[in-house]
Structure formats: structure tokens, C-alpha cells
Amino acid sequence: MLSKSLGAGANEHVGHGFMDHVSARVARFQVSDWNLYRRAFAHRRRGGVRTTLKLVTTPALVRRESVLPAYAHWEFDVQQASLRQLGRARVTGEGIRRMPRELTQVADATARALVSGQRVLPQFATPYLRVDVEQPPRVSRSITWRPDPNDGHLDVVWDISDAERASIKRVGVLATERILNADCGVVSATPIDSHEFVDTKHMMGGARMGREARDSVVDSDCQIHDLDGAWVAGASVFPSGGVANPTFTALALADRMVQQID
């Protein structure tokens, strides 16, 4: 709502450079040793925060492979596997005979999770590898306030480029090769030629930070250029998205901003 609040005095850069991370599943994996797999990859809780292992691109890899910065991480589809079991039970009775074993697996996984602080991960879960890629800021991606008789609305212009799609696919291939060559309980992987590229709800940009008003909206302390006493907190001040989740960076910037306000 910054452009609405500033009215005619709005900086021309307000709303431009809107970004998100682009994400897609790239492979489905078959696990041969669940104990080894859990030790290597299961989500863990540390200090009340869930941590997830990620394979992150290095600057050298980004240059060598001509890809955008990205990271690969696991996504476990337990519900889908459970529904498959129930579906077989209704059709053939196989699921009914197998159900006690599945329940034992859930109990065993739960016990291990309580002891180790890991996520509950039964053996009939389906592990997928997902890649999230950084989306560079572009003027064409924007958030614009449109006045109307009902007080107005926001127009969001956002798209996914060919470079972002290609980066996800290439990083997916490299990460899959790395996992298959490691001793981590994985026996095979099935590539997914995904056409379901989605955002990650990591909305960033639109009030970019910079040194001067000619190319940005706020200064390094998150104060709006040439408008004393007006500040912007949150990921909208990001001049670029980065590859990591934006929450902690946004909180750190907001904390620093508060310390500058009299």
C-alpha cells in the first residue's frame, strides 16, 4: 500500500522488481535402507525450529553450469502413500493384510523421531527431491496499486522465465547424481520432467533498498528516500532475492530499522 499512501509523491521504483522463488519437483527416489536414509536426510528440530538438509549451489557451480543460484531439498509425501495402501485394501484386500506392518512402521518411525528429534518418516513415505531457484529482479515483474470505486486493488505481474526453468532442471540433475553417489540408503531415482513450476510464497521486492532515490525506494536503514520518518519493514526492501528463505533476513533488517527510529 506504499504507493497509495505516498500518492503523487510516490517513488517511480515503488512496486517494481517483485520477486519470489520458483520451485518444482525434479525426481522421485527409491530407498533401500531407511535407517541410513533417516540419519542422512530426515528433518530435525533444533531449539524448537525444524531444520531441513539442503544442497545449495556454490558460486563456482553457478558460473560453471550457467545456472541461477538454487538449492535442492527433500519433500516427503506420506499421505499419498497411505492413500495408495487404503485404495489397494478396498480393491484387492492386499492393503488389509499389509496394514499391521504399516502401523508397525509408523510406530517405529515415531519412536525414532522422539529419540532423535527427527521428523516422523515411515518406510512407505515417498521421497521427492525439489529444487528452489532464485528469481532475479526484473522491472517487468511488479505490484501496482489501482484505484477504483471500492477503494482500489493491487495488480500483480509475475512470471517464470525460461532461465529459471532450465536452472531448476539442471540443478536437479546435479543434485540427483550427488545423492546417488553417496552412501545414504538411496538405490535409484526417477526423473520428473515437471511442468508444475510454482512460487514458494516468498514475496520480495517492490520497495528495493539502495543508496540513492534514482534507483531505489529506501536507504540502507529502510527509510524512504527524501521522506523523513517513513520506513518500510519486510522482504519488500530486498534488492535481490537470494537463494535462502527470506524470513530471518527480513527480521534482521526490521530489527536494525527499529534501532534507527528515534
C-alpha atoms as a PDB file:
ATOM      1  CA  MET A   1       0.000   0.000   0.000  1.00  0.00           C
ATOM      2  CA  LEU A   2       3.079   2.245  -0.131  1.00  0.00           C
ATOM      3  CA  SER A   3       2.220   3.807  -3.478  1.00  0.00           C
ATOM      4  CA  LYS A   4      -1.317   4.544  -2.265  1.00  0.00           C
ATOM      5  CA  SER A   5      -0.014   6.200   0.898  1.00  0.00           C
ATOM      6  CA  LEU A   6       2.530   8.342  -0.933  1.00  0.00           C
ATOM      7  CA  GLY A   7       0.102   9.357  -3.657  1.00  0.00           C
ATOM      8  CA  ALA A   8       1.611  11.737  -6.198  1.00  0.00           C
ATOM      9  CA  GLY A   9       4.900  11.718  -4.335  1.00  0.00           C
ATOM     10  CA  ALA A  10       5.477   8.019  -4.840  1.00  0.00           C
ATOM     11  CA  ASN A  11       8.955   6.996  -5.950  1.00  0.00           C
ATOM     12  CA  GLU A  12       8.878   5.715  -9.534  1.00  0.00           C
ATOM     13  CA  HIS A  13      10.517   2.464  -8.377  1.00  0.00           C
ATOM     14  CA  VAL A  14       7.753   1.552  -5.915  1.00  0.00           C
ATOM     15  CA  GLY A  15       6.272  -1.790  -6.900  1.00  0.00           C
ATOM     16  CA  HIS A  16       8.956  -2.747  -9.417  1.00  0.00           C
ATOM     17  CA  GLY A  17      11.311  -5.704  -9.036  1.00  0.00           C
ATOM     18  CA  PHE A  18       8.796  -8.051  -7.404  1.00  0.00           C
ATOM     19  CA  MET A  19      10.347 -11.481  -6.823  1.00  0.00           C
ATOM     20  CA  ASP A  20       9.689 -14.932  -5.436  1.00  0.00           C
ATOM     21  CA  HIS A  21      11.493 -18.258  -5.521  1.00  0.00           C
ATOM     22  CA  VAL A  22      10.485 -20.698  -8.261  1.00  0.00           C
ATOM     23  CA  SER A  23      10.110 -24.349  -7.275  1.00  0.00           C
ATOM     24  CA  ALA A  24       9.480 -27.753  -8.868  1.00  0.00           C
ATOM     25  CA  ARG A  25       9.856 -31.451  -8.092  1.00  0.00           C
ATOM     26  CA  VAL A  26      12.704 -32.967 -10.083  1.00  0.00           C
ATOM     27  CA  ALA A  27      12.976 -36.631  -9.035  1.00  0.00           C
ATOM     28  CA  ARG A  28      11.306 -39.436  -7.060  1.00  0.00           C
ATOM     29  CA  PHE A  29      13.621 -41.706  -5.076  1.00  0.00           C
ATOM     30  CA  GLN A  30      13.586 -45.346  -4.025  1.00  0.00           C
ATOM     31  CA  VAL A  31      15.055 -46.021  -0.580  1.00  0.00           C
ATOM     32  CA  SER A  32      16.756 -49.334   0.205  1.00  0.00           C
ATOM     33  CA  ASP A  33      17.942 -48.596   3.751  1.00  0.00           C
ATOM     34  CA  TRP A  34      15.559 -46.383   5.701  1.00  0.00           C
ATOM     35  CA  ASN A  35      17.721 -46.236   8.816  1.00  0.00           C
ATOM     36  CA  LEU A  36      20.638 -44.877   6.810  1.00  0.00           C
ATOM     37  CA  TYR A  37      18.375 -42.547   4.868  1.00  0.00           C
ATOM     38  CA  ARG A  38      16.815 -41.093   8.038  1.00  0.00           C
ATOM     39  CA  ARG A  39      20.215 -40.445   9.563  1.00  0.00           C
ATOM     40  CA  ALA A  40      21.293 -38.601   6.430  1.00  0.00           C
ATOM     41  CA  PHE A  41      18.206 -36.635   5.438  1.00  0.00           C
ATOM     42  CA  ALA A  42      15.305 -36.599   7.905  1.00  0.00           C
ATOM     43  CA  HIS A  43      14.151 -33.184   9.117  1.00  0.00           C
ATOM     44  CA  ARG A  44      15.311 -32.377  12.628  1.00  0.00           C
ATOM     45  CA  ARG A  45      14.208 -29.978  15.324  1.00  0.00           C
ATOM     46  CA  ARG A  46      16.831 -27.827  16.968  1.00  0.00           C
ATOM     47  CA  GLY A  47      15.914 -25.219  19.530  1.00  0.00           C
ATOM     48  CA  GLY A  48      12.247 -25.520  18.584  1.00  0.00           C
ATOM     49  CA  VAL A  49      12.990 -24.876  14.892  1.00  0.00           C
ATOM     50  CA  ARG A  50      12.655 -27.521  12.194  1.00  0.00           C
ATOM     51  CA  THR A  51      15.839 -27.804  10.153  1.00  0.00           C
ATOM     52  CA  THR A  52      15.999 -29.292   6.673  1.00  0.00           C
ATOM     53  CA  LEU A  53      19.087 -30.519   4.872  1.00  0.00           C
ATOM     54  CA  LYS A  54      19.652 -28.608   1.642  1.00  0.00           C
ATOM     55  CA  LEU A  55      22.108 -28.995  -1.222  1.00  0.00           C
ATOM     56  CA  VAL A  56      22.998 -25.415  -2.141  1.00  0.00           C
ATOM     57  CA  THR A  57      24.743 -24.275  -5.300  1.00  0.00           C
ATOM     58  CA  THR A  58      28.143 -22.630  -4.848  1.00  0.00           C
ATOM     59  CA  PRO A  59      29.223 -19.529  -6.799  1.00  0.00           C
ATOM     60  CA  ALA A  60      31.714 -21.716  -8.697  1.00  0.00           C
ATOM     61  CA  LEU A  61      28.981 -24.155  -9.747  1.00  0.00           C
ATOM     62  CA  VAL A  62      26.673 -21.305 -10.792  1.00  0.00           C
ATOM     63  CA  ARG A  63      29.393 -19.952 -13.082  1.00  0.00           C
ATOM     64  CA  ARG A  64      30.442 -23.350 -14.433  1.00  0.00           C
ATOM     65  CA  GLU A  65      26.926 -24.581 -15.193  1.00  0.00           C
ATOM     66  CA  SER A  66      25.465 -21.183 -16.172  1.00  0.00           C
ATOM     67  CA  VAL A  67      22.559 -21.612 -13.766  1.00  0.00           C
ATOM     68  CA  LEU A  68      20.828 -19.364 -11.276  1.00  0.00           C
ATOM     69  CA  PRO A  69      21.561 -19.846  -7.556  1.00  0.00           C
ATOM     70  CA  ALA A  70      19.380 -22.638  -6.199  1.00  0.00           C
ATOM     71  CA  TYR A  71      19.060 -25.366  -3.601  1.00  0.00           C
ATOM     72  CA  ALA A  72      17.662 -28.885  -3.598  1.00  0.00           C
ATOM     73  CA  HIS A  73      15.704 -30.272  -0.659  1.00  0.00           C
ATOM     74  CA  TRP A  74      13.556 -33.256   0.235  1.00  0.00           C
ATOM     75  CA  GLU A  75       9.791 -33.380   0.173  1.00  0.00           C
ATOM     76  CA  PHE A  76       8.106 -36.402   1.727  1.00  0.00           C
ATOM     77  CA  ASP A  77       4.683 -37.445   0.509  1.00  0.00           C
ATOM     78  CA  VAL A  78       3.331 -39.646   3.294  1.00  0.00           C
ATOM     79  CA  GLN A  79      -0.355 -39.018   2.661  1.00  0.00           C
ATOM     80  CA  GLN A  80      -0.202 -40.154  -0.958  1.00  0.00           C
ATOM     81  CA  ALA A  81       1.469 -43.421   0.037  1.00  0.00           C
ATOM     82  CA  SER A  82      -1.108 -44.011   2.768  1.00  0.00           C
ATOM     83  CA  LEU A  83      -3.993 -43.448   0.364  1.00  0.00           C
ATOM     84  CA  ARG A  84      -2.435 -45.921  -2.060  1.00  0.00           C
ATOM     85  CA  GLN A  85      -2.415 -48.536   0.698  1.00  0.00           C
ATOM     86  CA  LEU A  86      -6.067 -47.872   1.528  1.00  0.00           C
ATOM     87  CA  GLY A  87      -7.002 -47.989  -2.159  1.00  0.00           C
ATOM     88  CA  ARG A  88      -5.432 -51.423  -2.559  1.00  0.00           C
ATOM     89  CA  ALA A  89      -7.235 -52.565   0.579  1.00  0.00           C
ATOM     90  CA  ARG A  90     -10.626 -51.738  -0.925  1.00  0.00           C
ATOM     91  CA  VAL A  91      -9.850 -53.294  -4.298  1.00  0.00           C
ATOM     92  CA  THR A  92      -7.785 -56.418  -3.561  1.00  0.00           C
ATOM     93  CA  GLY A  93      -7.548 -56.831   0.184  1.00  0.00           C
ATOM     94  CA  GLU A  94      -3.750 -56.546  -0.059  1.00  0.00           C
ATOM     95  CA  GLY A  95      -3.770 -53.369   1.994  1.00  0.00           C
ATOM     96  CA  ILE A  96      -5.698 -55.039   4.795  1.00  0.00           C
ATOM     97  CA  ARG A  97      -3.090 -57.781   5.101  1.00  0.00           C
ATOM     98  CA  ARG A  98      -0.288 -55.219   4.946  1.00  0.00           C
ATOM     99  CA  MET A  99      -1.834 -52.678   7.307  1.00  0.00           C
ATOM    100  CA  PRO A 100      -0.479 -54.158  10.569  1.00  0.00           C
ATOM    101  CA  ARG A 101       3.036 -53.957   9.149  1.00  0.00           C
ATOM    102  CA  GLU A 102       2.450 -50.375   8.030  1.00  0.00           C
ATOM    103  CA  LEU A 103       1.201 -49.462  11.502  1.00  0.00           C
ATOM    104  CA  THR A 104       4.304 -51.064  12.991  1.00  0.00           C
ATOM    105  CA  GLN A 105       6.454 -48.975  10.668  1.00  0.00           C
ATOM    106  CA  VAL A 106       4.660 -45.802  11.780  1.00  0.00           C
ATOM    107  CA  ALA A 107       5.146 -46.697  15.445  1.00  0.00           C
ATOM    108  CA  ASP A 108       8.825 -47.455  14.874  1.00  0.00           C
ATOM    109  CA  ALA A 109       9.347 -44.210  12.945  1.00  0.00           C
ATOM    110  CA  THR A 110       7.570 -42.221  15.665  1.00  0.00           C
ATOM    111  CA  ALA A 111       9.727 -43.727  18.395  1.00  0.00           C
ATOM    112  CA  ARG A 112      12.902 -42.965  16.455  1.00  0.00           C
ATOM    113  CA  ALA A 113      11.715 -39.407  15.825  1.00  0.00           C
ATOM    114  CA  LEU A 114      11.072 -38.789  19.518  1.00  0.00           C
ATOM    115  CA  VAL A 115      14.536 -40.018  20.452  1.00  0.00           C
ATOM    116  CA  SER A 116      16.465 -38.284  17.671  1.00  0.00           C
ATOM    117  CA  GLY A 117      14.371 -35.147  17.225  1.00  0.00           C
ATOM    118  CA  GLN A 118      13.758 -36.089  13.593  1.00  0.00           C
ATOM    119  CA  ARG A 119      10.547 -35.875  11.631  1.00  0.00           C
ATOM    120  CA  VAL A 120       8.301 -38.950  11.703  1.00  0.00           C
ATOM    121  CA  LEU A 121       9.176 -40.740   8.455  1.00  0.00           C
ATOM    122  CA  PRO A 122       7.640 -44.209   7.935  1.00  0.00           C
ATOM    123  CA  GLN A 123       9.031 -46.541   5.306  1.00  0.00           C
ATOM    124  CA  PHE A 124       6.024 -46.187   3.000  1.00  0.00           C
ATOM    125  CA  ALA A 125       6.678 -42.462   2.558  1.00  0.00           C
ATOM    126  CA  THR A 126       7.557 -41.321  -0.960  1.00  0.00           C
ATOM    127  CA  PRO A 127      10.714 -39.135  -1.057  1.00  0.00           C
ATOM    128  CA  TYR A 128      10.832 -36.453  -3.732  1.00  0.00           C
ATOM    129  CA  LEU A 129      13.643 -34.025  -4.478  1.00  0.00           C
ATOM    130  CA  ARG A 130      12.525 -30.438  -5.033  1.00  0.00           C
ATOM    131  CA  VAL A 131      14.630 -27.569  -6.350  1.00  0.00           C
ATOM    132  CA  ASP A 132      14.006 -23.903  -5.493  1.00  0.00           C
ATOM    133  CA  VAL A 133      15.752 -21.282  -7.619  1.00  0.00           C
ATOM    134  CA  GLU A 134      16.462 -17.607  -7.029  1.00  0.00           C
ATOM    135  CA  GLN A 135      14.465 -15.286  -9.228  1.00  0.00           C
ATOM    136  CA  PRO A 136      16.410 -12.220 -10.401  1.00  0.00           C
ATOM    137  CA  PRO A 137      14.642  -8.848 -10.039  1.00  0.00           C
ATOM    138  CA  ARG A 138      13.041  -7.561 -13.233  1.00  0.00           C
ATOM    139  CA  VAL A 139      11.250  -4.270 -13.792  1.00  0.00           C
ATOM    140  CA  SER A 140       8.503  -6.122 -15.668  1.00  0.00           C
ATOM    141  CA  ARG A 141       7.542  -8.019 -12.507  1.00  0.00           C
ATOM    142  CA  SER A 142       5.612  -5.566 -10.411  1.00  0.00           C
ATOM    143  CA  ILE A 143       2.943  -4.762  -7.854  1.00  0.00           C
ATOM    144  CA  THR A 144       0.811  -1.732  -8.743  1.00  0.00           C
ATOM    145  CA  TRP A 145      -1.956  -0.019  -6.808  1.00  0.00           C
ATOM    146  CA  ARG A 146      -5.050   0.581  -8.971  1.00  0.00           C
ATOM    147  CA  PRO A 147      -7.655   2.986  -7.551  1.00  0.00           C
ATOM    148  CA  ASP A 148     -11.274   2.060  -8.140  1.00  0.00           C
ATOM    149  CA  PRO A 149     -14.721   2.977  -6.679  1.00  0.00           C
ATOM    150  CA  ASN A 150     -14.275   0.291  -3.994  1.00  0.00           C
ATOM    151  CA  ASP A 151     -11.052   1.918  -2.690  1.00  0.00           C
ATOM    152  CA  GLY A 152      -8.693   0.133  -5.070  1.00  0.00           C
ATOM    153  CA  HIS A 153      -6.819  -3.120  -5.579  1.00  0.00           C
ATOM    154  CA  LEU A 154      -3.355  -4.463  -6.294  1.00  0.00           C
ATOM    155  CA  ASP A 155      -2.294  -5.681  -9.726  1.00  0.00           C
ATOM    156  CA  VAL A 156       0.483  -8.280  -9.540  1.00  0.00           C
ATOM    157  CA  VAL A 157       2.540  -9.026 -12.639  1.00  0.00           C
ATOM    158  CA  TRP A 158       4.714 -12.104 -12.126  1.00  0.00           C
ATOM    159  CA  ASP A 159       6.039 -14.804 -14.408  1.00  0.00           C
ATOM    160  CA  ILE A 160       8.604 -17.615 -14.628  1.00  0.00           C
ATOM    161  CA  SER A 161      11.395 -17.302 -17.169  1.00  0.00           C
ATOM    162  CA  ASP A 162      12.999 -19.987 -19.327  1.00  0.00           C
ATOM    163  CA  ALA A 163      16.282 -19.424 -17.456  1.00  0.00           C
ATOM    164  CA  GLU A 164      14.584 -20.229 -14.136  1.00  0.00           C
ATOM    165  CA  ARG A 165      13.033 -23.412 -15.528  1.00  0.00           C
ATOM    166  CA  ALA A 166      16.314 -24.534 -17.080  1.00  0.00           C
ATOM    167  CA  SER A 167      18.209 -23.849 -13.846  1.00  0.00           C
ATOM    168  CA  ILE A 168      15.800 -25.981 -11.826  1.00  0.00           C
ATOM    169  CA  LYS A 169      16.186 -28.888 -14.244  1.00  0.00           C
ATOM    170  CA  ARG A 170      19.978 -28.702 -14.365  1.00  0.00           C
ATOM    171  CA  VAL A 171      20.423 -28.336 -10.608  1.00  0.00           C
ATOM    172  CA  GLY A 172      18.016 -31.258 -10.187  1.00  0.00           C
ATOM    173  CA  VAL A 173      20.202 -33.469 -12.383  1.00  0.00           C
ATOM    174  CA  LEU A 174      23.366 -32.486 -10.497  1.00  0.00           C
ATOM    175  CA  ALA A 175      21.788 -32.959  -7.060  1.00  0.00           C
ATOM    176  CA  THR A 176      20.346 -36.351  -8.027  1.00  0.00           C
ATOM    177  CA  GLU A 177      23.752 -37.552  -9.220  1.00  0.00           C
ATOM    178  CA  ARG A 178      25.337 -36.377  -5.968  1.00  0.00           C
ATOM    179  CA  ILE A 179      22.763 -38.219  -3.841  1.00  0.00           C
ATOM    180  CA  LEU A 180      23.003 -41.463  -5.833  1.00  0.00           C
ATOM    181  CA  ASN A 181      26.784 -41.448  -5.452  1.00  0.00           C
ATOM    182  CA  ALA A 182      26.585 -41.008  -1.679  1.00  0.00           C
ATOM    183  CA  ASP A 183      26.188 -43.799   0.860  1.00  0.00           C
ATOM    184  CA  CYS A 184      22.806 -42.634   2.123  1.00  0.00           C
ATOM    185  CA  GLY A 185      20.392 -45.545   1.684  1.00  0.00           C
ATOM    186  CA  VAL A 186      19.062 -44.483  -1.743  1.00  0.00           C
ATOM    187  CA  VAL A 187      19.082 -47.098  -4.507  1.00  0.00           C
ATOM    188  CA  SER A 188      17.516 -45.339  -7.512  1.00  0.00           C
ATOM    189  CA  ALA A 189      15.837 -42.174  -8.744  1.00  0.00           C
ATOM    190  CA  THR A 190      13.158 -41.491 -11.349  1.00  0.00           C
ATOM    191  CA  PRO A 191      13.495 -38.066 -13.006  1.00  0.00           C
ATOM    192  CA  ILE A 192      10.382 -35.900 -13.124  1.00  0.00           C
ATOM    193  CA  ASP A 193      10.044 -33.688 -16.187  1.00  0.00           C
ATOM    194  CA  SER A 194       7.882 -31.293 -14.266  1.00  0.00           C
ATOM    195  CA  HIS A 195       5.726 -28.642 -15.890  1.00  0.00           C
ATOM    196  CA  GLU A 196       4.387 -27.585 -12.500  1.00  0.00           C
ATOM    197  CA  PHE A 197       6.710 -24.708 -11.686  1.00  0.00           C
ATOM    198  CA  VAL A 198       5.269 -22.782  -8.756  1.00  0.00           C
ATOM    199  CA  ASP A 199       6.092 -19.886  -6.459  1.00  0.00           C
ATOM    200  CA  THR A 200       7.077 -20.524  -2.837  1.00  0.00           C
ATOM    201  CA  LYS A 201       5.102 -17.629  -1.287  1.00  0.00           C
ATOM    202  CA  HIS A 202       8.404 -15.859  -0.513  1.00  0.00           C
ATOM    203  CA  MET A 203       7.206 -12.473  -1.764  1.00  0.00           C
ATOM    204  CA  MET A 204      10.083  -9.999  -2.039  1.00  0.00           C
ATOM    205  CA  GLY A 205      10.935  -6.709  -3.702  1.00  0.00           C
ATOM    206  CA  GLY A 206       8.829  -3.736  -4.695  1.00  0.00           C
ATOM    207  CA  ALA A 207      10.488  -1.263  -2.310  1.00  0.00           C
ATOM    208  CA  ARG A 208      14.109  -2.035  -3.103  1.00  0.00           C
ATOM    209  CA  MET A 209      16.986  -0.826  -0.932  1.00  0.00           C
ATOM    210  CA  GLY A 210      19.730   1.354  -2.389  1.00  0.00           C
ATOM    211  CA  ARG A 211      21.984   4.332  -1.849  1.00  0.00           C
ATOM    212  CA  GLU A 212      20.067   6.857  -3.951  1.00  0.00           C
ATOM    213  CA  ALA A 213      16.452   7.637  -4.830  1.00  0.00           C
ATOM    214  CA  ARG A 214      17.235   7.460  -8.551  1.00  0.00           C
ATOM    215  CA  ASP A 215      17.428   3.653  -8.419  1.00  0.00           C
ATOM    216  CA  SER A 216      15.728   2.580  -5.175  1.00  0.00           C
ATOM    217  CA  VAL A 217      12.916   3.273  -2.705  1.00  0.00           C
ATOM    218  CA  VAL A 218      14.578   3.039   0.734  1.00  0.00           C
ATOM    219  CA  ASP A 219      18.077   3.585   2.084  1.00  0.00           C
ATOM    220  CA  SER A 220      20.202   1.045   3.974  1.00  0.00           C
ATOM    221  CA  ASP A 221      18.221   1.723   7.168  1.00  0.00           C
ATOM    222  CA  CYS A 222      14.893   1.061   5.379  1.00  0.00           C
ATOM    223  CA  GLN A 223      13.860   4.732   5.473  1.00  0.00           C
ATOM    224  CA  ILE A 224      12.150   6.050   2.349  1.00  0.00           C
ATOM    225  CA  HIS A 225      14.416   8.372   0.380  1.00  0.00           C
ATOM    226  CA  ASP A 226      13.609  12.065   0.843  1.00  0.00           C
ATOM    227  CA  LEU A 227      10.760  11.335   3.233  1.00  0.00           C
ATOM    228  CA  ASP A 228      11.859  11.633   6.852  1.00  0.00           C
ATOM    229  CA  GLY A 229      10.001   9.468   9.331  1.00  0.00           C
ATOM    230  CA  ALA A 230       8.664   6.967   6.787  1.00  0.00           C
ATOM    231  CA  TRP A 231      10.090   3.453   6.950  1.00  0.00           C
ATOM    232  CA  VAL A 232       9.482   0.114   5.268  1.00  0.00           C
ATOM    233  CA  ALA A 233       9.975  -3.204   7.075  1.00  0.00           C
ATOM    234  CA  GLY A 234       9.925  -6.632   5.471  1.00  0.00           C
ATOM    235  CA  ALA A 235      11.195  -8.510   2.450  1.00  0.00           C
ATOM    236  CA  SER A 236       9.879  -5.851   0.058  1.00  0.00           C
ATOM    237  CA  VAL A 237      13.137  -3.915   0.569  1.00  0.00           C
ATOM    238  CA  PHE A 238      15.260  -6.756  -0.854  1.00  0.00           C
ATOM    239  CA  PRO A 239      17.161  -5.557  -3.951  1.00  0.00           C
ATOM    240  CA  SER A 240      17.619  -9.229  -4.906  1.00  0.00           C
ATOM    241  CA  GLY A 241      16.007 -12.397  -3.648  1.00  0.00           C
ATOM    242  CA  GLY A 242      18.913 -14.602  -2.685  1.00  0.00           C
ATOM    243  CA  VAL A 243      18.559 -18.361  -2.613  1.00  0.00           C
ATOM    244  CA  ALA A 244      17.603 -18.807   1.056  1.00  0.00           C
ATOM    245  CA  ASN A 245      14.222 -18.363   2.730  1.00  0.00           C
ATOM    246  CA  PRO A 246      13.786 -14.615   3.388  1.00  0.00           C
ATOM    247  CA  THR A 247      12.259 -14.669   6.881  1.00  0.00           C
ATOM    248  CA  PHE A 248      15.323 -14.299   9.081  1.00  0.00           C
ATOM    249  CA  THR A 249      16.882 -11.684   6.783  1.00  0.00           C
ATOM    250  CA  ALA A 250      13.664  -9.647   6.842  1.00  0.00           C
ATOM    251  CA  LEU A 251      13.520  -9.892  10.643  1.00  0.00           C
ATOM    252  CA  ALA A 252      17.152  -8.801  10.977  1.00  0.00           C
ATOM    253  CA  LEU A 253      16.563  -5.789   8.733  1.00  0.00           C
ATOM    254  CA  ALA A 254      13.435  -4.844  10.681  1.00  0.00           C
ATOM    255  CA  ASP A 255      15.347  -5.109  13.969  1.00  0.00           C
ATOM    256  CA  ARG A 256      18.087  -2.838  12.609  1.00  0.00           C
ATOM    257  CA  MET A 257      15.489  -0.401  11.303  1.00  0.00           C
ATOM    258  CA  VAL A 258      13.808  -0.117  14.703  1.00  0.00           C
ATOM    259  CA  GLN A 259      17.125   0.778  16.295  1.00  0.00           C
ATOM    260  CA  GLN A 260      17.431   3.758  13.923  1.00  0.00           C
ATOM    261  CA  ILE A 261      13.992   5.176  14.740  1.00  0.00           C
ATOM    262  CA  ASP A 262      14.065   7.852  17.452  1.00  0.00           C
END
